[in-house]
N, C-alpha and C. Protein backbone atom coordinates (compact mmCIF):
# COMPACT_ATOMS: atom_id res chain seq x y z
N UNK A 1 48.76 179.12 101.71
CA UNK A 1 49.58 178.42 100.41
C UNK A 1 50.38 179.61 99.89
N UNK A 2 51.62 179.22 99.65
CA UNK A 2 52.44 180.13 98.95
C UNK A 2 52.14 180.24 97.53
N UNK A 3 52.69 181.30 96.77
CA UNK A 3 52.35 181.39 95.40
C UNK A 3 53.02 180.21 94.62
N UNK A 4 54.30 179.83 95.04
CA UNK A 4 54.87 178.71 94.35
C UNK A 4 54.12 177.40 94.49
N UNK A 5 53.60 177.17 95.90
CA UNK A 5 52.71 175.94 96.04
C UNK A 5 51.50 176.04 95.13
N UNK A 6 50.90 177.23 95.13
CA UNK A 6 49.55 177.30 94.33
C UNK A 6 49.79 177.07 92.80
N UNK A 7 50.94 177.56 92.27
CA UNK A 7 51.16 177.31 90.93
C UNK A 7 51.43 175.71 90.67
N UNK A 8 52.18 175.05 91.70
CA UNK A 8 52.51 173.71 91.42
C UNK A 8 51.26 172.92 91.59
N UNK A 9 50.38 173.37 92.45
CA UNK A 9 49.12 172.57 92.53
C UNK A 9 48.17 172.79 91.22
N UNK A 10 48.41 174.03 90.81
CA UNK A 10 47.54 174.15 89.59
C UNK A 10 47.97 173.37 88.32
N UNK A 11 49.39 173.29 88.18
CA UNK A 11 50.07 172.42 87.20
C UNK A 11 49.67 170.99 87.32
N UNK A 12 49.75 170.42 88.62
CA UNK A 12 49.24 169.16 88.93
C UNK A 12 47.86 168.82 88.58
N UNK A 13 47.10 169.81 88.92
CA UNK A 13 45.63 169.66 88.62
C UNK A 13 45.36 169.46 87.04
N UNK A 14 45.96 170.39 86.27
CA UNK A 14 45.86 170.35 84.77
C UNK A 14 46.31 168.98 84.19
N UNK A 15 47.48 168.52 84.73
CA UNK A 15 47.80 167.27 84.38
C UNK A 15 47.07 166.13 84.61
N UNK A 16 46.39 166.07 85.94
CA UNK A 16 45.40 165.08 86.34
C UNK A 16 44.42 165.14 85.39
N UNK A 17 43.69 166.36 85.29
CA UNK A 17 42.43 166.37 84.45
C UNK A 17 42.74 165.85 82.98
N UNK A 18 43.95 166.29 82.52
CA UNK A 18 44.36 165.83 81.04
C UNK A 18 44.44 164.38 81.05
N UNK A 19 45.05 163.79 81.99
CA UNK A 19 45.24 162.21 82.07
C UNK A 19 43.88 161.68 82.10
N UNK A 20 42.87 162.26 82.81
CA UNK A 20 41.63 161.54 83.16
C UNK A 20 40.66 161.82 81.84
N UNK A 21 41.00 162.75 81.04
CA UNK A 21 40.25 163.01 79.87
C UNK A 21 40.66 162.42 78.61
N UNK A 22 41.89 161.79 78.77
CA UNK A 22 42.45 161.24 77.51
C UNK A 22 41.77 159.81 77.36
N UNK A 23 41.17 159.56 76.25
CA UNK A 23 40.50 158.31 76.10
C UNK A 23 41.56 157.20 75.92
N UNK A 24 41.33 156.00 76.23
CA UNK A 24 42.28 154.91 76.11
C UNK A 24 42.56 154.58 74.67
N UNK A 25 43.70 154.17 74.30
CA UNK A 25 43.85 153.76 73.00
C UNK A 25 42.95 152.65 72.69
N UNK A 26 42.41 152.51 71.36
CA UNK A 26 41.56 151.56 70.98
C UNK A 26 42.32 150.32 70.61
N UNK A 27 41.81 149.14 71.00
CA UNK A 27 42.50 147.92 70.71
C UNK A 27 42.19 147.39 69.33
N UNK A 28 43.05 146.71 68.64
CA UNK A 28 42.76 146.42 67.41
C UNK A 28 41.57 145.55 67.30
N UNK A 29 40.89 145.48 66.16
CA UNK A 29 39.63 144.64 66.05
C UNK A 29 39.95 143.08 66.16
N UNK A 30 38.87 142.48 66.39
CA UNK A 30 39.03 140.95 66.46
C UNK A 30 39.03 140.34 65.14
N UNK A 31 39.56 139.24 64.95
CA UNK A 31 39.60 138.47 63.74
C UNK A 31 38.32 137.65 63.74
N UNK A 32 37.60 137.68 62.66
CA UNK A 32 36.32 137.06 62.61
C UNK A 32 36.20 136.31 61.29
N UNK A 33 35.55 135.12 61.39
CA UNK A 33 35.26 134.24 60.24
C UNK A 33 33.86 134.78 59.78
N UNK A 34 33.71 134.87 58.26
CA UNK A 34 32.44 135.17 57.76
C UNK A 34 31.43 134.02 58.02
N UNK A 35 30.32 134.35 58.57
CA UNK A 35 29.38 133.44 58.79
C UNK A 35 28.91 132.63 57.57
N UNK A 36 29.21 131.28 57.51
CA UNK A 36 28.67 130.50 56.31
C UNK A 36 28.26 129.26 56.80
N UNK A 37 27.51 128.58 56.02
CA UNK A 37 26.94 127.36 56.38
C UNK A 37 28.04 126.38 56.76
N UNK A 38 27.75 125.46 57.69
CA UNK A 38 28.72 124.56 58.08
C UNK A 38 28.99 123.47 57.01
N UNK A 39 30.15 122.82 56.93
CA UNK A 39 30.48 121.75 56.14
C UNK A 39 30.19 120.50 56.75
N UNK A 40 29.07 119.70 56.45
CA UNK A 40 28.62 118.71 57.12
C UNK A 40 29.32 117.26 56.45
N UNK A 41 30.14 116.70 57.37
CA UNK A 41 30.95 115.50 56.84
C UNK A 41 30.36 114.22 57.37
N UNK A 42 30.41 113.15 56.40
CA UNK A 42 29.85 111.94 56.74
C UNK A 42 30.89 111.09 57.56
N UNK A 43 30.99 111.68 58.88
CA UNK A 43 31.98 111.15 59.82
C UNK A 43 31.37 111.06 61.36
N UNK A 44 31.99 110.50 62.13
CA UNK A 44 31.47 110.40 63.61
C UNK A 44 32.08 111.41 64.47
N UNK A 45 33.34 111.89 63.98
CA UNK A 45 34.22 112.93 64.82
C UNK A 45 35.09 113.67 64.02
N UNK A 46 35.40 114.83 64.59
CA UNK A 46 36.29 115.94 63.99
C UNK A 46 37.57 115.97 64.91
N UNK A 47 38.74 115.75 64.50
CA UNK A 47 39.95 115.91 65.23
C UNK A 47 40.75 116.93 64.80
N UNK A 48 41.48 117.71 65.77
CA UNK A 48 42.36 118.75 65.47
C UNK A 48 43.75 118.20 65.85
N UNK A 49 44.61 118.11 64.79
CA UNK A 49 46.15 117.75 64.94
C UNK A 49 47.06 118.87 64.65
N UNK A 50 47.51 119.50 65.77
CA UNK A 50 48.31 120.73 65.74
C UNK A 50 49.82 120.25 65.66
N UNK A 51 50.25 120.03 64.44
CA UNK A 51 51.73 119.42 64.26
C UNK A 51 52.59 120.68 64.21
N UNK A 52 52.09 121.82 63.90
CA UNK A 52 52.98 122.99 63.88
C UNK A 52 53.14 123.54 65.29
N UNK A 53 54.40 123.83 65.77
CA UNK A 53 54.69 124.41 67.03
C UNK A 53 55.55 125.63 66.76
N UNK A 54 55.17 126.77 67.26
CA UNK A 54 55.94 127.89 67.01
C UNK A 54 57.28 127.90 67.73
N UNK A 55 58.29 128.37 66.94
CA UNK A 55 59.63 128.41 67.63
C UNK A 55 59.74 129.29 68.85
N UNK A 56 58.85 130.34 68.83
CA UNK A 56 58.66 131.32 69.98
C UNK A 56 59.84 132.20 70.06
N UNK A 57 60.55 132.47 68.87
CA UNK A 57 61.69 133.40 68.90
C UNK A 57 61.69 133.95 67.54
N UNK A 58 62.36 135.14 67.49
CA UNK A 58 62.61 135.90 66.03
C UNK A 58 63.21 134.98 65.16
N UNK A 59 62.80 135.28 63.88
CA UNK A 59 61.96 136.17 63.35
C UNK A 59 60.49 135.83 63.39
N UNK A 60 60.11 134.72 64.01
CA UNK A 60 58.68 134.44 64.19
C UNK A 60 57.92 135.36 65.31
N UNK A 61 56.80 135.81 64.94
CA UNK A 61 56.28 136.64 65.97
C UNK A 61 54.79 136.10 66.34
N UNK A 62 54.30 135.05 65.79
CA UNK A 62 52.79 134.83 66.17
C UNK A 62 52.59 134.52 67.56
N UNK A 63 53.69 134.10 68.28
CA UNK A 63 53.50 133.78 69.70
C UNK A 63 53.48 135.19 70.59
N UNK A 64 53.59 136.31 69.98
CA UNK A 64 53.60 137.43 70.69
C UNK A 64 52.17 138.07 70.71
N UNK A 65 51.16 137.51 69.94
CA UNK A 65 50.00 138.14 69.66
C UNK A 65 48.84 137.17 70.26
N UNK A 66 47.63 137.86 70.26
CA UNK A 66 46.39 137.15 70.58
C UNK A 66 46.04 136.11 69.50
N UNK A 67 46.18 136.49 68.33
CA UNK A 67 45.73 135.72 67.06
C UNK A 67 46.86 135.06 66.48
N UNK A 68 46.83 133.77 65.92
CA UNK A 68 47.85 133.12 65.30
C UNK A 68 47.11 132.47 64.05
N UNK A 69 47.93 132.17 63.07
CA UNK A 69 47.51 131.36 61.83
C UNK A 69 46.87 129.99 62.47
N UNK A 70 47.58 129.34 63.41
CA UNK A 70 47.16 128.04 63.91
C UNK A 70 45.75 128.16 64.74
N UNK A 71 45.69 129.31 65.38
CA UNK A 71 44.56 129.65 66.15
C UNK A 71 43.36 129.84 65.20
N UNK A 72 43.58 130.44 64.09
CA UNK A 72 42.54 130.72 63.12
C UNK A 72 41.99 129.30 62.48
N UNK A 73 42.81 128.40 62.17
CA UNK A 73 42.52 127.15 61.63
C UNK A 73 41.81 126.29 62.74
N UNK A 74 42.22 126.45 63.98
CA UNK A 74 41.40 125.65 64.99
C UNK A 74 39.92 126.32 65.03
N UNK A 75 39.81 127.55 65.10
CA UNK A 75 38.41 128.31 65.22
C UNK A 75 37.76 127.88 63.93
N UNK A 76 38.41 127.84 62.89
CA UNK A 76 37.59 127.54 61.64
C UNK A 76 37.04 126.15 61.73
N UNK A 77 37.82 125.17 62.21
CA UNK A 77 37.36 123.89 62.27
C UNK A 77 36.20 123.72 63.21
N UNK A 78 36.13 124.47 64.18
CA UNK A 78 35.09 124.45 65.30
C UNK A 78 33.84 125.15 64.61
N UNK A 79 33.97 126.18 63.79
CA UNK A 79 32.85 126.77 63.23
C UNK A 79 32.32 126.26 61.90
N UNK A 80 33.11 125.65 61.13
CA UNK A 80 32.51 125.13 59.87
C UNK A 80 32.55 123.63 59.70
N UNK A 81 33.20 122.85 60.49
CA UNK A 81 33.26 121.34 60.31
C UNK A 81 32.24 120.72 61.20
N UNK A 82 31.30 120.05 60.71
CA UNK A 82 30.41 119.21 61.55
C UNK A 82 30.36 117.65 61.27
N UNK A 83 30.47 116.98 62.34
CA UNK A 83 30.53 115.53 62.12
C UNK A 83 28.97 115.13 62.01
N UNK A 84 28.63 114.59 60.92
CA UNK A 84 27.03 114.32 60.60
C UNK A 84 26.90 112.78 60.18
N UNK A 85 27.81 111.96 60.54
CA UNK A 85 27.68 110.60 60.20
C UNK A 85 27.89 109.67 61.42
N UNK A 86 27.98 108.36 61.29
CA UNK A 86 27.94 107.48 62.39
C UNK A 86 29.26 106.82 62.44
N UNK A 87 30.23 106.95 61.41
CA UNK A 87 31.47 106.18 61.42
C UNK A 87 32.55 107.03 60.90
N UNK A 88 33.80 106.84 61.18
CA UNK A 88 34.79 107.49 60.62
C UNK A 88 35.24 108.83 61.23
N UNK A 89 36.44 109.36 60.80
CA UNK A 89 36.94 110.52 61.49
C UNK A 89 37.63 111.55 60.45
N UNK A 90 37.38 112.71 60.65
CA UNK A 90 37.96 113.77 59.83
C UNK A 90 39.06 114.51 60.78
N UNK A 91 40.29 114.61 60.30
CA UNK A 91 41.34 115.20 61.01
C UNK A 91 41.93 116.41 60.26
N UNK A 92 41.84 117.60 60.86
CA UNK A 92 42.43 118.72 60.34
C UNK A 92 43.83 118.87 60.92
N UNK A 93 44.89 118.71 60.02
CA UNK A 93 46.26 118.87 60.52
C UNK A 93 46.79 120.17 60.12
N UNK A 94 47.26 120.85 61.16
CA UNK A 94 47.99 122.11 61.05
C UNK A 94 49.31 122.04 60.84
N UNK A 95 49.92 122.15 59.59
CA UNK A 95 51.13 121.76 59.26
C UNK A 95 52.21 123.10 59.23
N UNK A 96 51.71 124.26 59.16
CA UNK A 96 52.46 125.35 59.23
C UNK A 96 51.62 126.58 59.76
N UNK A 97 52.18 127.49 60.55
CA UNK A 97 51.40 128.59 60.98
C UNK A 97 52.23 129.57 61.41
N UNK A 98 53.25 129.92 60.70
CA UNK A 98 54.22 130.84 61.10
C UNK A 98 53.83 132.27 60.63
N UNK A 99 54.24 133.33 61.31
CA UNK A 99 54.34 134.78 60.99
C UNK A 99 55.62 135.27 61.20
N UNK A 100 56.20 135.74 60.08
CA UNK A 100 57.70 136.21 59.97
C UNK A 100 57.67 137.64 59.97
N UNK A 101 58.34 138.36 60.72
CA UNK A 101 58.76 139.79 60.79
C UNK A 101 60.11 140.02 60.20
N UNK A 102 60.08 140.89 58.98
CA UNK A 102 61.28 141.06 58.44
C UNK A 102 61.70 142.64 58.37
N UNK A 103 62.83 143.10 58.79
CA UNK A 103 63.09 144.50 58.68
C UNK A 103 63.35 144.91 57.23
N UNK A 104 62.77 145.95 56.72
CA UNK A 104 62.98 146.29 55.26
C UNK A 104 64.26 147.36 55.17
N UNK A 105 64.93 147.31 54.25
CA UNK A 105 65.97 148.19 53.97
C UNK A 105 65.48 149.53 53.61
N UNK A 106 66.02 150.47 54.21
CA UNK A 106 65.54 151.90 54.09
C UNK A 106 66.25 152.59 52.87
N UNK A 107 65.49 153.49 52.17
CA UNK A 107 66.16 154.32 51.22
C UNK A 107 67.02 155.42 51.80
N UNK A 108 68.12 155.80 50.99
CA UNK A 108 68.95 156.97 51.36
C UNK A 108 68.45 158.12 50.97
N UNK A 109 69.26 159.13 50.88
CA UNK A 109 69.12 160.56 50.33
C UNK A 109 67.95 161.27 50.91
N UNK A 110 67.22 162.17 50.35
CA UNK A 110 66.31 162.88 50.86
C UNK A 110 65.00 162.17 51.23
N UNK A 111 64.72 161.35 50.35
CA UNK A 111 63.65 160.36 50.62
C UNK A 111 63.78 159.62 51.84
N UNK A 112 64.97 159.07 52.23
CA UNK A 112 65.20 158.35 53.40
C UNK A 112 65.19 159.30 54.70
N UNK A 113 65.82 160.52 54.42
CA UNK A 113 65.88 161.39 55.46
C UNK A 113 64.56 162.05 56.00
N UNK A 114 63.87 162.31 55.09
CA UNK A 114 62.37 163.09 55.36
C UNK A 114 61.20 162.25 55.18
N UNK A 115 61.22 161.15 54.39
CA UNK A 115 60.18 160.31 54.09
C UNK A 115 59.80 159.30 55.22
N UNK A 116 58.50 159.00 55.24
CA UNK A 116 57.94 158.02 56.26
C UNK A 116 58.14 156.71 55.45
N UNK A 117 59.16 155.95 55.81
CA UNK A 117 59.34 154.67 54.89
C UNK A 117 58.69 153.45 55.72
N UNK A 118 58.49 152.52 54.80
CA UNK A 118 58.12 151.15 55.48
C UNK A 118 59.27 150.57 56.04
N UNK A 119 59.15 150.08 57.20
CA UNK A 119 60.38 149.51 57.90
C UNK A 119 60.21 148.04 58.28
N UNK A 120 58.96 147.58 58.21
CA UNK A 120 58.78 146.20 58.48
C UNK A 120 57.77 145.41 57.63
N UNK A 121 58.02 144.16 57.37
CA UNK A 121 57.10 143.37 56.50
C UNK A 121 56.74 142.21 57.27
N UNK A 122 55.55 141.96 57.51
CA UNK A 122 54.92 140.82 58.04
C UNK A 122 54.43 139.79 57.10
N UNK A 123 54.92 138.57 57.16
CA UNK A 123 54.38 137.40 56.07
C UNK A 123 53.86 136.26 57.03
N UNK A 124 52.57 135.97 56.72
CA UNK A 124 51.85 134.91 57.36
C UNK A 124 51.80 133.85 56.49
N UNK A 125 51.71 132.60 57.03
CA UNK A 125 51.56 131.37 56.19
C UNK A 125 50.77 130.36 57.12
N UNK A 126 49.73 129.78 56.40
CA UNK A 126 48.95 128.73 57.07
C UNK A 126 48.82 127.56 55.90
N UNK A 127 49.18 126.48 56.47
CA UNK A 127 49.12 125.23 55.62
C UNK A 127 48.41 124.15 56.48
N UNK A 128 47.33 123.64 55.94
CA UNK A 128 46.58 122.62 56.59
C UNK A 128 46.22 121.34 55.63
N UNK A 129 45.99 120.25 56.18
CA UNK A 129 45.44 119.11 55.50
C UNK A 129 44.30 118.56 56.17
N UNK A 130 43.18 118.34 55.51
CA UNK A 130 41.86 117.81 56.24
C UNK A 130 41.89 116.37 55.56
N UNK A 131 41.91 115.41 56.47
CA UNK A 131 42.01 113.96 55.87
C UNK A 131 40.60 113.26 56.56
N UNK A 132 39.87 112.51 55.70
CA UNK A 132 38.72 111.89 56.17
C UNK A 132 38.96 110.45 55.95
N UNK A 133 38.66 109.55 56.93
CA UNK A 133 38.80 108.09 56.84
C UNK A 133 37.66 107.49 57.34
N UNK A 134 37.04 106.71 56.63
CA UNK A 134 35.89 106.01 57.13
C UNK A 134 35.61 104.64 56.50
N UNK A 135 34.94 103.82 56.99
CA UNK A 135 34.62 102.53 56.35
C UNK A 135 33.48 102.78 55.33
N UNK A 136 33.55 102.00 54.21
CA UNK A 136 32.68 102.16 53.12
C UNK A 136 31.37 101.30 53.50
N UNK A 137 30.31 101.44 52.78
CA UNK A 137 29.08 100.74 52.96
C UNK A 137 29.27 99.18 52.76
N UNK A 138 30.10 98.83 51.95
CA UNK A 138 30.45 97.23 51.74
C UNK A 138 31.63 96.81 52.42
N UNK A 139 32.07 97.75 53.34
CA UNK A 139 33.31 97.14 54.27
C UNK A 139 34.58 97.54 53.94
N UNK A 140 34.78 98.22 52.71
CA UNK A 140 36.09 98.65 52.37
C UNK A 140 36.51 100.00 53.00
N UNK A 141 37.72 100.31 53.10
CA UNK A 141 38.28 101.53 53.86
C UNK A 141 38.36 102.66 52.86
N UNK A 142 37.76 103.90 53.16
CA UNK A 142 37.76 104.93 52.13
C UNK A 142 38.61 106.11 52.91
N UNK A 143 39.36 106.77 52.03
CA UNK A 143 40.20 107.96 52.53
C UNK A 143 40.03 109.18 51.56
N UNK A 144 39.96 110.32 51.97
CA UNK A 144 39.92 111.46 51.26
C UNK A 144 40.75 112.65 51.79
N UNK A 145 41.22 113.47 51.02
CA UNK A 145 42.04 114.55 51.75
C UNK A 145 42.03 115.98 50.87
N UNK A 146 42.15 116.91 51.60
CA UNK A 146 42.25 118.22 50.87
C UNK A 146 43.19 119.11 51.75
N UNK A 147 44.14 119.51 50.98
CA UNK A 147 45.16 120.37 51.51
C UNK A 147 45.29 121.80 50.94
N UNK A 148 45.52 122.87 51.53
CA UNK A 148 45.62 124.02 51.18
C UNK A 148 46.84 124.84 51.90
N UNK A 149 47.38 125.72 51.21
CA UNK A 149 48.40 126.69 51.84
C UNK A 149 48.06 128.13 51.45
N UNK A 150 47.87 128.90 52.30
CA UNK A 150 47.63 130.37 52.04
C UNK A 150 48.57 131.23 52.64
N UNK A 151 48.89 132.49 51.94
CA UNK A 151 49.85 133.34 52.49
C UNK A 151 49.27 134.64 52.42
N UNK A 152 49.78 135.63 53.38
CA UNK A 152 49.37 137.03 53.26
C UNK A 152 50.48 137.83 53.88
N UNK A 153 50.66 139.02 53.38
CA UNK A 153 51.63 139.84 53.93
C UNK A 153 51.16 141.41 54.05
N UNK A 154 51.77 141.98 54.94
CA UNK A 154 51.58 143.37 55.18
C UNK A 154 52.88 144.27 55.48
N UNK A 155 52.95 145.51 55.16
CA UNK A 155 53.99 146.19 55.53
C UNK A 155 53.62 147.27 56.54
N UNK A 156 54.63 147.81 57.28
CA UNK A 156 54.34 148.77 58.33
C UNK A 156 55.31 149.98 58.38
N UNK A 157 54.64 151.11 58.41
CA UNK A 157 55.52 152.46 58.38
C UNK A 157 56.37 152.60 59.51
N UNK A 158 57.55 153.16 59.36
CA UNK A 158 58.48 153.36 60.50
C UNK A 158 57.93 154.18 61.70
N UNK A 159 56.90 155.06 61.23
CA UNK A 159 56.21 156.11 62.13
C UNK A 159 55.08 155.29 62.96
N UNK A 160 54.67 154.10 62.66
CA UNK A 160 53.63 153.47 63.21
C UNK A 160 53.89 153.35 64.74
N UNK A 161 52.86 153.70 65.53
CA UNK A 161 52.86 153.49 66.91
C UNK A 161 52.61 151.83 67.27
N UNK A 162 52.83 151.62 68.51
CA UNK A 162 52.59 150.15 68.92
C UNK A 162 51.27 149.62 68.50
N UNK A 163 50.22 150.69 68.85
CA UNK A 163 48.85 150.29 68.53
C UNK A 163 48.57 149.98 67.02
N UNK A 164 49.26 150.91 66.18
CA UNK A 164 49.10 150.78 64.69
C UNK A 164 49.79 149.50 64.38
N UNK A 165 50.88 149.00 64.89
CA UNK A 165 51.37 147.93 64.53
C UNK A 165 50.60 146.48 64.94
N UNK A 166 50.02 146.69 66.08
CA UNK A 166 49.05 145.64 66.52
C UNK A 166 47.98 145.47 65.57
N UNK A 167 47.42 146.75 65.14
CA UNK A 167 46.19 146.72 64.24
C UNK A 167 46.63 146.24 62.98
N UNK A 168 47.99 146.50 62.39
CA UNK A 168 48.40 145.94 61.08
C UNK A 168 48.51 144.32 61.27
N UNK A 169 48.97 143.76 62.38
CA UNK A 169 48.92 142.39 62.56
C UNK A 169 47.61 141.72 62.61
N UNK A 170 46.67 142.49 63.25
CA UNK A 170 45.18 141.94 63.20
C UNK A 170 44.58 141.92 61.81
N UNK A 171 45.02 143.01 61.09
CA UNK A 171 44.41 143.03 59.72
C UNK A 171 45.07 141.93 58.84
N UNK A 172 46.29 141.50 59.09
CA UNK A 172 47.09 140.54 58.40
C UNK A 172 46.28 139.22 58.73
N UNK A 173 46.00 139.01 60.07
CA UNK A 173 45.30 137.70 60.40
C UNK A 173 43.81 137.71 59.75
N UNK A 174 43.13 138.91 59.74
CA UNK A 174 41.80 138.76 59.15
C UNK A 174 41.85 138.49 57.64
N UNK A 175 42.92 139.00 57.01
CA UNK A 175 43.17 138.66 55.52
C UNK A 175 43.43 137.16 55.36
N UNK A 176 44.42 136.65 56.19
CA UNK A 176 44.74 135.24 56.21
C UNK A 176 43.35 134.39 56.55
N UNK A 177 42.60 134.69 57.46
CA UNK A 177 41.44 133.92 57.69
C UNK A 177 40.56 133.94 56.75
N UNK A 178 40.31 135.11 55.85
CA UNK A 178 39.32 135.17 54.85
C UNK A 178 39.82 134.26 53.56
N UNK A 179 41.13 134.30 53.32
CA UNK A 179 41.70 133.57 52.30
C UNK A 179 41.48 132.09 52.56
N UNK A 180 41.91 131.76 53.76
CA UNK A 180 41.89 130.39 54.22
C UNK A 180 40.41 129.85 54.16
N UNK A 181 39.57 130.50 54.63
CA UNK A 181 38.15 129.95 54.51
C UNK A 181 37.54 129.87 53.09
N UNK A 182 37.98 130.73 52.19
CA UNK A 182 37.50 130.53 50.87
C UNK A 182 38.36 129.36 50.22
N UNK A 183 39.51 129.14 50.42
CA UNK A 183 40.38 128.27 49.69
C UNK A 183 40.01 126.83 50.30
N UNK A 184 39.86 126.66 51.58
CA UNK A 184 39.71 125.37 52.06
C UNK A 184 38.32 124.89 51.83
N UNK A 185 37.43 125.81 51.82
CA UNK A 185 35.92 125.38 51.55
C UNK A 185 35.96 124.88 50.16
N UNK A 186 36.70 125.67 49.18
CA UNK A 186 36.64 125.23 47.67
C UNK A 186 37.19 123.98 47.54
N UNK A 187 38.40 123.72 48.23
CA UNK A 187 39.09 122.51 48.04
C UNK A 187 38.32 121.21 48.63
N UNK A 188 37.64 121.50 49.76
CA UNK A 188 36.92 120.39 50.46
C UNK A 188 35.69 120.00 49.45
N UNK A 189 34.97 120.87 48.77
CA UNK A 189 33.93 120.75 47.77
C UNK A 189 34.47 120.00 46.57
N UNK A 190 35.69 120.35 46.21
CA UNK A 190 36.32 119.85 44.97
C UNK A 190 36.72 118.36 45.17
N UNK A 191 37.32 118.00 46.39
CA UNK A 191 38.06 116.78 46.51
C UNK A 191 37.26 115.92 47.45
N UNK A 192 36.29 116.21 48.18
CA UNK A 192 35.50 115.42 49.07
C UNK A 192 33.98 115.24 49.00
N UNK A 193 33.68 115.26 47.76
CA UNK A 193 32.27 115.17 47.40
C UNK A 193 31.47 114.06 48.02
N UNK A 194 32.25 112.81 47.97
CA UNK A 194 31.64 111.52 48.44
C UNK A 194 31.21 111.66 49.97
N UNK A 195 32.04 112.37 50.78
CA UNK A 195 31.71 112.41 52.22
C UNK A 195 31.14 113.76 52.70
N UNK A 196 30.65 114.56 51.77
CA UNK A 196 30.00 115.78 52.11
C UNK A 196 28.61 115.59 52.03
N UNK A 197 27.80 115.98 53.01
CA UNK A 197 26.28 115.82 53.05
C UNK A 197 25.70 117.12 52.76
């Protein structure tokens, strides 16, 4: 083996070992709903009505990620709503579930030249309506509804890596999920007393 070949082999070996020893980038955390008691409704079935359809183009970005506001609402309905009656239907309608990515204007001067500025703002919106319809005990038709809209936003630095940006999106979805759970639960308890068990 020549000196040149030996050096080249040594460089390749160092690069190979470095590649093997580099840990993979950690993936952003999952979005989780806080474990809470289910909401038992006096109905025979729970239905999900996904009225919102992502445009799947900029400035919307929810279609590019594993989690979306609509997905959060769907998971929430499975985790929190329980049909505990013999008649009637509860329908959770997803009316809006967009996430908008907006480029932020950057500052000029020395701050703009040397500072690490925020260059992207993500704004998430989730709007749902829960409607319960069931016959009353004396034959009349009863209807109740609870509607909420929750919003959350997060900004991202221009120096953020792709993994950092994915983590920021996941944190945004976690914030939205927590707010939605709190506000929808409170609204159901406020406006649907007669059909809560």
